[in-house]
């Protein structure tokens, strides 16, 4: 299994490592009489939630996925288990999770925060015929920093379009349709959609008129040592197959300084992307690091599934690698068989 350990060291080092704090908590931890500093207020709140059973994400109340800002300022989908309130629209509940310091702050994992300004109130109406969510905010929605404007638009759009039957988003505030954002004046002359991208990265020599967006999934690491996936939109030269282009960006890896981890090595290459009769896609990869019988890191395989699904209207994905008869992840799954994009990702304990 030396080869498997090598790729973890190169492309996903420490993704599953959980810090173990030993001092002061056992017979070898020093003097038991030493004073212990109280935890910060947010952590204390989360500890209390844990005692009441609120900390088990996705296992209590309503399971919802929202886009939150991580400690590096990147937006990531986070699946939470929040209390289900009688008569409350689940979509409204999802957006309320995104309010900074709001009612659901104690359910948000350490290292993440909501991007909507404190005090923001929301109301949502879904235009089913046009598959559009119409979201109305109170005046507090306009109390954000200019540099956060695009992040707010991306988080709202990707959270809402994650719900079945919603492809577009329209924003209102205090009874009036917004034609531009209230702070930095981003135009809102058309409904928002996922085509706007998320965590957008543009090379200095990129020409918008000759580029197309693709979205790839890299890995992040929470303060508690929990691995999670982060979508990043990049602009690539137009005219390419979007899935192949996205996979090549995945191999290329994250930008320096954005706090993300490689999920592949630079030695990986895309041999082919083929459409099957059942509508699924087969992604054939070359990576000499793996041999027959090796378990392949699931971070790598899941990143491929998420990336392909995001750029192909959520088709199922089969993965082939080298001449291996079976591509088995360390999660026990056989990726030679069609794999669907998970309904919920990044269930991060608080």
Protein backbone atom coordinates (compact mmCIF):
# COMPACT_ATOMS: atom_id res chain seq x y z
CA UNK A 1 0.00 0.00 0.00
CA UNK A 2 3.02 2.29 -0.30
CA UNK A 3 1.68 3.79 -3.50
CA UNK A 4 -1.61 4.76 -1.87
CA UNK A 5 0.19 6.47 0.96
CA UNK A 6 2.26 8.38 -1.58
CA UNK A 7 -0.75 9.97 -3.26
CA UNK A 8 -2.16 10.97 0.10
CA UNK A 9 1.12 12.62 0.89
CA UNK A 10 1.22 14.39 -2.46
CA UNK A 11 -2.37 15.22 -3.24
CA UNK A 12 -4.46 15.06 -0.11
CA UNK A 13 -2.10 15.17 2.84
CA UNK A 14 -3.85 15.20 6.15
CA UNK A 15 -7.36 15.34 4.75
CA UNK A 16 -8.63 12.76 7.18
CA UNK A 17 -6.32 13.55 10.07
CA UNK A 18 -8.10 14.61 13.27
CA UNK A 19 -5.97 16.42 15.86
CA UNK A 20 -5.71 14.55 19.17
CA UNK A 21 -5.25 16.81 22.19
CA UNK A 22 -3.77 14.86 25.06
CA UNK A 23 -2.54 17.42 27.56
CA UNK A 24 -4.47 17.77 30.78
CA UNK A 25 -7.07 15.11 30.04
CA UNK A 26 -5.79 11.87 31.54
CA UNK A 27 -3.27 10.23 33.82
CA UNK A 28 -0.40 11.42 31.62
CA UNK A 29 -1.81 14.89 30.94
CA UNK A 30 -0.25 16.91 33.74
CA UNK A 31 -1.77 18.35 36.90
CA UNK A 32 -5.50 17.85 37.14
CA UNK A 33 -5.84 20.91 39.36
CA UNK A 34 -4.69 23.36 36.67
CA UNK A 35 -7.31 25.88 35.58
CA UNK A 36 -8.95 25.32 32.22
CA UNK A 37 -9.89 28.34 30.13
CA UNK A 38 -13.57 28.43 29.12
CA UNK A 39 -14.25 27.82 25.41
CA UNK A 40 -15.13 30.72 23.09
CA UNK A 41 -18.81 31.60 23.00
CA UNK A 42 -19.41 30.01 19.58
CA UNK A 43 -17.70 26.77 20.59
CA UNK A 44 -19.54 26.75 23.91
CA UNK A 45 -22.85 27.11 22.07
CA UNK A 46 -21.95 24.21 19.81
CA UNK A 47 -20.94 22.08 22.82
CA UNK A 48 -24.35 22.75 24.38
CA UNK A 49 -26.01 21.83 21.10
CA UNK A 50 -24.08 18.57 21.12
CA UNK A 51 -25.44 17.71 24.57
CA UNK A 52 -28.99 18.32 23.35
CA UNK A 53 -28.42 16.14 20.27
CA UNK A 54 -28.25 18.99 17.76
CA UNK A 55 -24.72 18.27 16.61
CA UNK A 56 -25.44 15.17 14.55
CA UNK A 57 -25.69 16.72 11.10
CA UNK A 58 -28.40 15.40 8.84
CA UNK A 59 -29.85 13.08 11.49
CA UNK A 60 -32.25 15.45 13.21
CA UNK A 61 -34.95 17.73 11.89
CA UNK A 62 -34.50 19.01 8.37
CA UNK A 63 -31.47 18.13 6.27
CA UNK A 64 -30.44 21.03 4.08
CA UNK A 65 -27.40 22.02 2.05
CA UNK A 66 -26.31 25.65 2.04
CA UNK A 67 -23.26 27.48 0.72
CA UNK A 68 -21.17 28.99 3.50
CA UNK A 69 -17.86 30.84 3.59
CA UNK A 70 -14.93 28.86 4.97
CA UNK A 71 -11.96 30.22 6.91
CA UNK A 72 -10.16 31.08 3.64
CA UNK A 73 -13.17 32.93 2.24
CA UNK A 74 -14.10 30.16 -0.22
CA UNK A 75 -17.74 29.15 -0.60
CA UNK A 76 -18.49 25.48 0.08
CA UNK A 77 -21.69 23.44 0.26
CA UNK A 78 -22.34 22.29 3.84
CA UNK A 79 -25.11 19.85 4.75
CA UNK A 80 -26.74 20.63 8.10
CA UNK A 81 -29.40 19.06 10.26
CA UNK A 82 -31.61 21.88 11.58
CA UNK A 83 -34.89 21.80 13.52
CA UNK A 84 -37.98 21.44 11.38
CA UNK A 85 -40.51 24.15 12.16
CA UNK A 86 -44.20 23.58 11.43
CA UNK A 87 -45.37 25.73 8.55
CA UNK A 88 -41.91 27.03 7.59
CA UNK A 89 -40.81 26.65 3.98
CA UNK A 90 -37.60 24.54 3.93
CA UNK A 91 -36.13 26.92 1.36
CA UNK A 92 -36.64 29.84 3.75
CA UNK A 93 -35.01 27.79 6.49
CA UNK A 94 -31.99 27.16 4.26
CA UNK A 95 -31.52 30.86 3.59
CA UNK A 96 -31.91 31.69 7.28
CA UNK A 97 -28.96 29.38 7.99
CA UNK A 98 -26.90 31.71 5.79
CA UNK A 99 -27.55 34.76 7.97
CA UNK A 100 -24.39 35.68 9.85
CA UNK A 101 -25.01 35.24 13.57
CA UNK A 102 -28.61 34.23 12.92
CA UNK A 103 -30.92 31.77 14.65
CA UNK A 104 -29.05 28.75 13.27
CA UNK A 105 -25.52 29.94 14.05
CA UNK A 106 -25.08 27.13 16.59
CA UNK A 107 -25.62 24.53 13.87
CA UNK A 108 -22.82 25.79 11.62
CA UNK A 109 -19.47 23.94 11.86
CA UNK A 110 -16.44 25.74 13.29
CA UNK A 111 -14.55 27.51 10.49
CA UNK A 112 -17.64 28.41 8.46
CA UNK A 113 -20.00 31.38 8.49
CA UNK A 114 -23.10 32.62 6.73
CA UNK A 115 -22.60 35.36 4.14
CA UNK A 116 -25.92 37.21 4.52
CA UNK A 117 -25.71 40.30 6.77
CA UNK A 118 -26.87 40.02 10.37
CA UNK A 119 -30.56 40.84 10.75
CA UNK A 120 -31.47 39.76 7.21
CA UNK A 121 -35.01 38.40 6.89
CA UNK A 122 -36.20 36.44 3.87
CA UNK A 123 -39.35 35.40 2.08
CA UNK A 124 -39.33 33.04 -0.91
CA UNK A 125 -41.87 32.41 -3.66
CA UNK A 126 -41.20 29.78 -6.32
CA UNK A 127 -42.44 30.44 -9.86
CA UNK A 128 -42.85 26.78 -10.82
CA UNK A 129 -43.59 27.47 -14.48
CA UNK A 130 -40.31 29.35 -14.96
CA UNK A 131 -38.39 27.33 -12.34
CA UNK A 132 -37.45 30.57 -10.62
CA UNK A 133 -37.14 31.43 -6.93
CA UNK A 134 -38.18 34.99 -6.12
CA UNK A 135 -36.47 36.04 -2.88
CA UNK A 136 -37.45 39.16 -0.96
CA UNK A 137 -35.22 40.62 1.76
CA UNK A 138 -35.67 43.31 4.36
CA UNK A 139 -33.48 46.44 4.52
CA UNK A 140 -30.74 44.63 6.47
CA UNK A 141 -29.79 42.73 3.32
CA UNK A 142 -28.04 45.86 2.05
CA UNK A 143 -25.69 46.12 5.03
CA UNK A 144 -22.70 44.19 3.71
CA UNK A 145 -19.18 45.06 2.59
CA UNK A 146 -18.67 45.77 -1.10
CA UNK A 147 -16.07 43.00 -1.45
CA UNK A 148 -18.65 40.44 -0.29
CA UNK A 149 -21.22 41.27 -2.96
CA UNK A 150 -20.33 38.60 -5.52
CA UNK A 151 -19.89 36.00 -2.79
CA UNK A 152 -23.42 36.72 -1.56
CA UNK A 153 -24.83 36.36 -5.09
CA UNK A 154 -22.99 33.08 -5.64
CA UNK A 155 -24.02 31.62 -2.27
CA UNK A 156 -27.68 32.52 -2.80
CA UNK A 157 -27.76 31.19 -6.35
CA UNK A 158 -26.02 27.90 -5.66
CA UNK A 159 -28.01 27.24 -2.49
CA UNK A 160 -31.37 27.89 -4.13
CA UNK A 161 -30.66 26.07 -7.40
CA UNK A 162 -29.73 23.03 -5.32
CA UNK A 163 -33.46 22.61 -4.65
CA UNK A 164 -35.49 20.61 -7.14
CA UNK A 165 -37.48 22.75 -9.56
CA UNK A 166 -35.32 25.88 -9.20
CA UNK A 167 -32.95 26.89 -12.00
CA UNK A 168 -33.03 30.68 -11.62
CA UNK A 169 -33.13 33.30 -8.87
CA UNK A 170 -34.58 36.81 -8.74
CA UNK A 171 -33.91 39.21 -5.85
CA UNK A 172 -36.21 41.79 -4.25
CA UNK A 173 -35.75 44.09 -1.26
CA UNK A 174 -38.45 45.91 0.72
CA UNK A 175 -41.14 45.26 -1.90
CA UNK A 176 -39.15 46.31 -4.96
CA UNK A 177 -37.31 44.19 -7.53
CA UNK A 178 -33.57 44.77 -7.42
CA UNK A 179 -32.14 45.85 -10.78
CA UNK A 180 -28.70 46.08 -9.21
CA UNK A 181 -27.16 45.07 -5.91
CA UNK A 182 -27.47 47.76 -3.20
CA UNK A 183 -23.77 48.26 -2.37
CA UNK A 184 -21.40 47.59 -5.27
CA UNK A 185 -24.10 47.93 -7.95
CA UNK A 186 -23.69 44.54 -9.64
CA UNK A 187 -26.36 44.51 -12.40
CA UNK A 188 -29.35 42.23 -11.86
CA UNK A 189 -30.99 42.78 -15.24
CA UNK A 190 -31.59 39.03 -15.66
CA UNK A 191 -32.27 36.16 -13.26
CA UNK A 192 -29.24 34.58 -11.59
CA UNK A 193 -28.21 31.01 -12.50
CA UNK A 194 -25.30 28.66 -11.87
CA UNK A 195 -23.73 29.79 -15.12
CA UNK A 196 -22.36 32.73 -13.08
CA UNK A 197 -19.94 30.26 -11.50
CA UNK A 198 -18.69 30.05 -7.93
CA UNK A 199 -15.34 30.95 -6.37
CA UNK A 200 -14.47 32.26 -9.83
CA UNK A 201 -10.80 32.13 -10.80
CA UNK A 202 -9.58 33.93 -13.92
CA UNK A 203 -6.11 33.77 -15.36
CA UNK A 204 -4.54 37.15 -16.18
CA UNK A 205 -4.50 36.37 -19.90
CA UNK A 206 -8.11 35.16 -20.04
CA UNK A 207 -10.30 36.71 -22.72
CA UNK A 208 -13.95 36.44 -21.74
CA UNK A 209 -15.19 36.43 -25.32
CA UNK A 210 -13.11 33.34 -26.08
CA UNK A 211 -13.67 31.45 -22.82
CA UNK A 212 -16.19 29.07 -21.27
CA UNK A 213 -16.68 28.26 -17.57
CA UNK A 214 -16.10 24.85 -16.00
CA UNK A 215 -16.50 23.99 -12.32
CA UNK A 216 -14.19 21.58 -10.50
CA UNK A 217 -14.11 20.25 -6.93
CA UNK A 218 -10.97 20.47 -4.81
CA UNK A 219 -10.54 19.58 -1.14
CA UNK A 220 -10.50 21.84 1.89
CA UNK A 221 -9.69 21.04 5.50
CA UNK A 222 -11.73 22.36 8.44
CA UNK A 223 -10.09 23.54 11.69
CA UNK A 224 -11.14 20.20 13.19
CA UNK A 225 -9.29 18.29 10.47
CA UNK A 226 -12.41 17.30 8.50
CA UNK A 227 -12.07 17.07 4.72
CA UNK A 228 -14.69 18.76 2.55
CA UNK A 229 -15.17 19.62 -1.13
CA UNK A 230 -15.01 23.14 -2.55
CA UNK A 231 -16.31 24.03 -6.05
CA UNK A 232 -14.15 26.38 -8.11
CA UNK A 233 -15.17 27.85 -11.48
CA UNK A 234 -12.43 28.47 -14.02
CA UNK A 235 -12.52 29.95 -17.49
CA UNK A 236 -11.07 27.74 -20.22
CA UNK A 237 -10.65 28.19 -23.95
CA UNK A 238 -13.96 27.82 -25.80
CA UNK A 239 -14.56 24.89 -28.12
CA UNK A 240 -13.40 22.16 -25.73
CA UNK A 241 -15.46 19.31 -24.35
CA UNK A 242 -16.53 20.75 -21.00
CA UNK A 243 -16.07 17.51 -19.02
CA UNK A 244 -12.57 16.87 -20.38
CA UNK A 245 -11.60 20.50 -19.82
CA UNK A 246 -12.89 20.37 -16.25
CA UNK A 247 -10.96 17.17 -15.50
CA UNK A 248 -7.78 18.74 -16.85
CA UNK A 249 -8.30 21.69 -14.50
CA UNK A 250 -8.82 19.22 -11.65
CA UNK A 251 -5.45 17.66 -12.48
CA UNK A 252 -3.88 21.09 -12.75
CA UNK A 253 -4.82 21.63 -9.12
CA UNK A 254 -5.80 24.61 -6.93
CA UNK A 255 -4.23 28.03 -7.07
CA UNK A 256 -1.45 28.80 -4.64
CA UNK A 257 -2.70 30.46 -1.47
CA UNK A 258 -6.40 29.62 -1.73
CA UNK A 259 -6.16 27.04 1.05
CA UNK A 260 -7.28 24.10 -1.08
CA UNK A 261 -5.62 20.72 -1.60
CA UNK A 262 -4.80 18.71 -4.72
CA UNK A 263 -6.95 15.63 -5.21
CA UNK A 264 -4.80 14.30 -8.06
CA UNK A 265 -1.12 14.32 -8.89
CA UNK A 266 0.28 16.12 -11.91
CA UNK A 267 1.08 12.68 -13.38
CA UNK A 268 -2.63 11.91 -13.84
CA UNK A 269 -3.99 12.27 -17.37
CA UNK A 270 -7.37 11.92 -19.04
CA UNK A 271 -7.34 9.11 -21.60
CA UNK A 272 -10.96 9.42 -22.72
CA UNK A 273 -14.47 10.50 -21.77
CA UNK A 274 -17.10 8.29 -23.40
CA UNK A 275 -20.88 8.38 -23.34
CA UNK A 276 -22.58 5.03 -22.64
CA UNK A 277 -25.88 3.70 -23.92
CA UNK A 278 -27.47 4.14 -20.49
CA UNK A 279 -26.62 7.87 -20.56
CA UNK A 280 -23.77 7.61 -18.07
CA UNK A 281 -20.23 8.78 -18.81
CA UNK A 282 -17.10 6.66 -18.51
CA UNK A 283 -14.01 8.60 -17.50
CA UNK A 284 -10.76 6.80 -18.31
CA UNK A 285 -7.72 8.01 -16.37
CA UNK A 286 -4.05 7.13 -16.47
CA UNK A 287 -2.17 7.21 -13.15
CA UNK A 288 0.86 4.92 -12.76
CA UNK A 289 0.81 5.26 -8.98
CA UNK A 290 -1.95 2.65 -8.61
CA UNK A 291 -1.72 -1.08 -9.19
CA UNK A 292 -4.20 -3.92 -9.18
CA UNK A 293 -5.60 -4.43 -5.67
CA UNK A 294 -4.82 -0.91 -4.44
CA UNK A 295 -7.59 1.03 -2.77
CA UNK A 296 -7.75 4.47 -4.34
CA UNK A 297 -8.39 7.52 -2.12
CA UNK A 298 -12.09 8.30 -2.22
CA UNK A 299 -11.29 12.04 -2.12
CA UNK A 300 -9.89 11.67 -5.63
CA UNK A 301 -12.70 9.52 -6.99
CA UNK A 302 -15.49 11.60 -5.44
CA UNK A 303 -13.89 14.78 -6.77
CA UNK A 304 -14.03 13.24 -10.25
CA UNK A 305 -17.70 12.27 -9.80
CA UNK A 306 -18.65 15.74 -8.52
CA UNK A 307 -16.69 17.50 -11.27
CA UNK A 308 -18.13 15.38 -14.08
CA UNK A 309 -21.68 15.68 -12.72
CA UNK A 310 -21.40 19.47 -12.40
CA UNK A 311 -20.37 19.82 -16.03
CA UNK A 312 -22.72 17.26 -17.59
CA UNK A 313 -26.19 17.87 -16.15
CA UNK A 314 -25.66 15.42 -13.28
CA UNK A 315 -25.16 12.22 -15.27
CA UNK A 316 -23.92 9.05 -13.57
CA UNK A 317 -20.18 8.43 -13.77
CA UNK A 318 -18.04 5.31 -14.27
CA UNK A 319 -14.30 5.56 -13.64
CA UNK A 320 -11.64 3.43 -15.29
CA UNK A 321 -7.96 3.69 -14.41
CA UNK A 322 -4.98 2.23 -16.24
CA UNK A 323 -5.75 -1.44 -16.88
CA UNK A 324 -7.30 -2.10 -13.48
CA UNK A 325 -10.20 -4.54 -13.60
CA UNK A 326 -11.71 -2.82 -10.56
CA UNK A 327 -11.46 0.79 -9.38
CA UNK A 328 -12.22 0.44 -5.70
CA UNK A 329 -12.14 3.41 -3.38
CA UNK A 330 -11.07 3.33 0.23
CA UNK A 331 -14.74 3.98 1.00
CA UNK A 332 -15.51 0.44 -0.21
CA UNK A 333 -17.32 1.58 -3.36
CA UNK A 334 -16.60 0.14 -6.82
CA UNK A 335 -16.30 3.11 -9.16
CA UNK A 336 -16.38 0.87 -12.24
CA UNK A 337 -20.13 0.86 -11.68
CA UNK A 338 -22.26 3.97 -12.39
CA UNK A 339 -22.01 6.41 -9.48
CA UNK A 340 -24.43 9.30 -8.98
CA UNK A 341 -23.56 12.65 -7.54
CA UNK A 342 -24.45 12.52 -3.81
CA UNK A 343 -27.68 14.28 -2.90
CA UNK A 344 -25.90 15.90 0.03
CA UNK A 345 -22.17 16.48 0.48
CA UNK A 346 -19.94 17.86 3.22
CA UNK A 347 -21.80 16.68 6.29
CA UNK A 348 -19.35 18.32 8.68
CA UNK A 349 -19.85 17.74 12.43
CA UNK A 350 -20.03 20.90 14.53
